[in-house]
Amino acid sequence: MTHVSKFVRSDAFIIDSVMENKINKFDFVAFKNTDESKVLIILNKNEGDLNIKINSIYSNAVNIGIVRVEKYSFKTIVRILNTR
């Protein structure tokens, strides 16, 4: 998991994340680093590619984007927030 450790720091903590439509063989976890950046890791264990719509947990009106996760792979999405 060297790849994940590049983005999820040792002092990060897991944050709430929810899925509206449960897809079999699909897992995810979200982290928040102490610098306020957020990391979402999506694992696709399906035989086909997935297109996943990501919204803010605070408002479905805030569409972060659609991510394509190829079959039998994982994606790492990093969101760096401007804290100014």
C-alpha atoms as a PDB file:
ATOM      1  CA  MET A   1       0.000   0.000   0.000  1.00  0.00           C
ATOM      2  CA  THR A   2       2.854   2.376  -0.730  1.00  0.00           C
ATOM      3  CA  HIS A   3       0.636   4.255  -3.163  1.00  0.00           C
ATOM      4  CA  VAL A   4      -1.999   5.004  -0.517  1.00  0.00           C
ATOM      5  CA  SER A   5       0.577   6.144   2.043  1.00  0.00           C
ATOM      6  CA  LYS A   6       1.637   8.914  -0.364  1.00  0.00           C
ATOM      7  CA  PHE A   7      -1.754  10.553   0.172  1.00  0.00           C
ATOM      8  CA  VAL A   8      -3.059   9.256   3.518  1.00  0.00           C
ATOM      9  CA  ARG A   9      -0.724  10.473   6.216  1.00  0.00           C
ATOM     10  CA  SER A  10      -0.018   8.523   9.391  1.00  0.00           C
ATOM     11  CA  ASP A  11      -2.024  11.022  11.484  1.00  0.00           C
ATOM     12  CA  ALA A  12      -5.069  10.970   9.167  1.00  0.00           C
ATOM     13  CA  PHE A  13      -8.407   9.708  10.381  1.00  0.00           C
ATOM     14  CA  ILE A  14     -11.324   8.001   8.671  1.00  0.00           C
ATOM     15  CA  ILE A  15     -14.280  10.275   7.956  1.00  0.00           C
ATOM     16  CA  ASP A  16     -17.922   9.446   7.302  1.00  0.00           C
ATOM     17  CA  SER A  17     -18.784   8.499   3.758  1.00  0.00           C
ATOM     18  CA  VAL A  18     -22.015   7.055   2.448  1.00  0.00           C
ATOM     19  CA  MET A  19     -23.168   5.313  -0.708  1.00  0.00           C
ATOM     20  CA  GLU A  20     -26.681   5.821  -2.024  1.00  0.00           C
ATOM     21  CA  ASN A  21     -26.770   2.862  -4.418  1.00  0.00           C
ATOM     22  CA  LYS A  22     -24.928  -0.195  -3.148  1.00  0.00           C
ATOM     23  CA  ILE A  23     -23.032  -2.009  -5.881  1.00  0.00           C
ATOM     24  CA  ASN A  24     -21.750  -5.506  -5.221  1.00  0.00           C
ATOM     25  CA  LYS A  25     -17.987  -5.948  -5.070  1.00  0.00           C
ATOM     26  CA  PHE A  26     -17.402  -2.228  -4.592  1.00  0.00           C
ATOM     27  CA  ASP A  27     -15.702  -0.767  -1.507  1.00  0.00           C
ATOM     28  CA  PHE A  28     -14.525   2.681  -0.480  1.00  0.00           C
ATOM     29  CA  VAL A  29     -13.049   4.573   2.440  1.00  0.00           C
ATOM     30  CA  ALA A  30     -12.422   8.286   3.024  1.00  0.00           C
ATOM     31  CA  PHE A  31      -9.735   9.950   5.121  1.00  0.00           C
ATOM     32  CA  LYS A  32      -9.029  13.472   6.340  1.00  0.00           C
ATOM     33  CA  ASN A  33      -5.427  14.566   6.818  1.00  0.00           C
ATOM     34  CA  THR A  34      -4.408  17.143   9.410  1.00  0.00           C
ATOM     35  CA  ASP A  35      -3.807  19.684   6.603  1.00  0.00           C
ATOM     36  CA  GLU A  36      -7.579  19.385   5.839  1.00  0.00           C
ATOM     37  CA  SER A  37      -7.003  17.510   2.559  1.00  0.00           C
ATOM     38  CA  LYS A  38      -9.354  14.596   1.977  1.00  0.00           C
ATOM     39  CA  VAL A  39      -8.612  11.290   0.288  1.00  0.00           C
ATOM     40  CA  LEU A  40     -11.171   8.876  -1.122  1.00  0.00           C
ATOM     41  CA  ILE A  41     -10.089   5.375  -2.104  1.00  0.00           C
ATOM     42  CA  ILE A  42     -12.449   3.354  -4.301  1.00  0.00           C
ATOM     43  CA  LEU A  43     -11.957  -0.362  -4.962  1.00  0.00           C
ATOM     44  CA  ASN A  44     -13.790  -1.970  -7.886  1.00  0.00           C
ATOM     45  CA  LYS A  45     -13.922  -5.764  -7.579  1.00  0.00           C
ATOM     46  CA  ASN A  46     -16.429  -6.089 -10.433  1.00  0.00           C
ATOM     47  CA  GLU A  47     -15.879  -7.671 -13.835  1.00  0.00           C
ATOM     48  CA  GLY A  48     -16.753  -4.369 -15.505  1.00  0.00           C
ATOM     49  CA  ASP A  49     -15.756  -0.715 -15.280  1.00  0.00           C
ATOM     50  CA  LEU A  50     -17.775   1.634 -13.046  1.00  0.00           C
ATOM     51  CA  ASN A  51     -18.646   5.320 -13.375  1.00  0.00           C
ATOM     52  CA  ILE A  52     -19.149   6.735  -9.894  1.00  0.00           C
ATOM     53  CA  LYS A  53     -20.673  10.146  -9.149  1.00  0.00           C
ATOM     54  CA  ILE A  54     -19.122  11.815  -6.120  1.00  0.00           C
ATOM     55  CA  ASN A  55     -21.015  14.478  -4.170  1.00  0.00           C
ATOM     56  CA  SER A  56     -20.153  16.405  -1.060  1.00  0.00           C
ATOM     57  CA  ILE A  57     -21.296  14.616   2.082  1.00  0.00           C
ATOM     58  CA  TYR A  58     -22.709  17.951   3.276  1.00  0.00           C
ATOM     59  CA  SER A  59     -24.857  18.589   0.206  1.00  0.00           C
ATOM     60  CA  ASN A  60     -25.855  16.468  -2.782  1.00  0.00           C
ATOM     61  CA  ALA A  61     -26.067  19.769  -4.660  1.00  0.00           C
ATOM     62  CA  VAL A  62     -22.248  19.976  -4.593  1.00  0.00           C
ATOM     63  CA  ASN A  63     -21.170  17.619  -7.366  1.00  0.00           C
ATOM     64  CA  ILE A  64     -17.458  16.887  -7.098  1.00  0.00           C
ATOM     65  CA  GLY A  65     -17.413  14.859 -10.308  1.00  0.00           C
ATOM     66  CA  ILE A  66     -17.728  11.487 -11.963  1.00  0.00           C
ATOM     67  CA  VAL A  67     -14.861   9.036 -11.635  1.00  0.00           C
ATOM     68  CA  ARG A  68     -14.296   6.008 -13.836  1.00  0.00           C
ATOM     69  CA  VAL A  69     -12.891   3.008 -11.962  1.00  0.00           C
ATOM     70  CA  GLU A  70     -11.695   0.233 -14.243  1.00  0.00           C
ATOM     71  CA  LYS A  71     -12.546  -3.397 -13.462  1.00  0.00           C
ATOM     72  CA  TYR A  72     -10.449  -5.035 -10.742  1.00  0.00           C
ATOM     73  CA  SER A  73      -8.675  -1.784  -9.835  1.00  0.00           C
ATOM     74  CA  PHE A  74      -8.724   1.054  -7.344  1.00  0.00           C
ATOM     75  CA  LYS A  75      -8.725   4.841  -7.632  1.00  0.00           C
ATOM     76  CA  THR A  76      -7.394   7.417  -5.238  1.00  0.00           C
ATOM     77  CA  ILE A  77      -9.048  10.840  -5.277  1.00  0.00           C
ATOM     78  CA  VAL A  78      -7.335  13.637  -3.358  1.00  0.00           C
ATOM     79  CA  ARG A  79      -9.172  16.867  -2.617  1.00  0.00           C
ATOM     80  CA  ILE A  80      -7.064  19.740  -1.362  1.00  0.00           C
ATOM     81  CA  LEU A  81      -9.129  22.510   0.153  1.00  0.00           C
ATOM     82  CA  ASN A  82      -8.064  26.139   0.100  1.00  0.00           C
ATOM     83  CA  THR A  83      -8.213  27.186   3.754  1.00  0.00           C
ATOM     84  CA  ARG A  84      -7.613  30.904   3.145  1.00  0.00           C
END
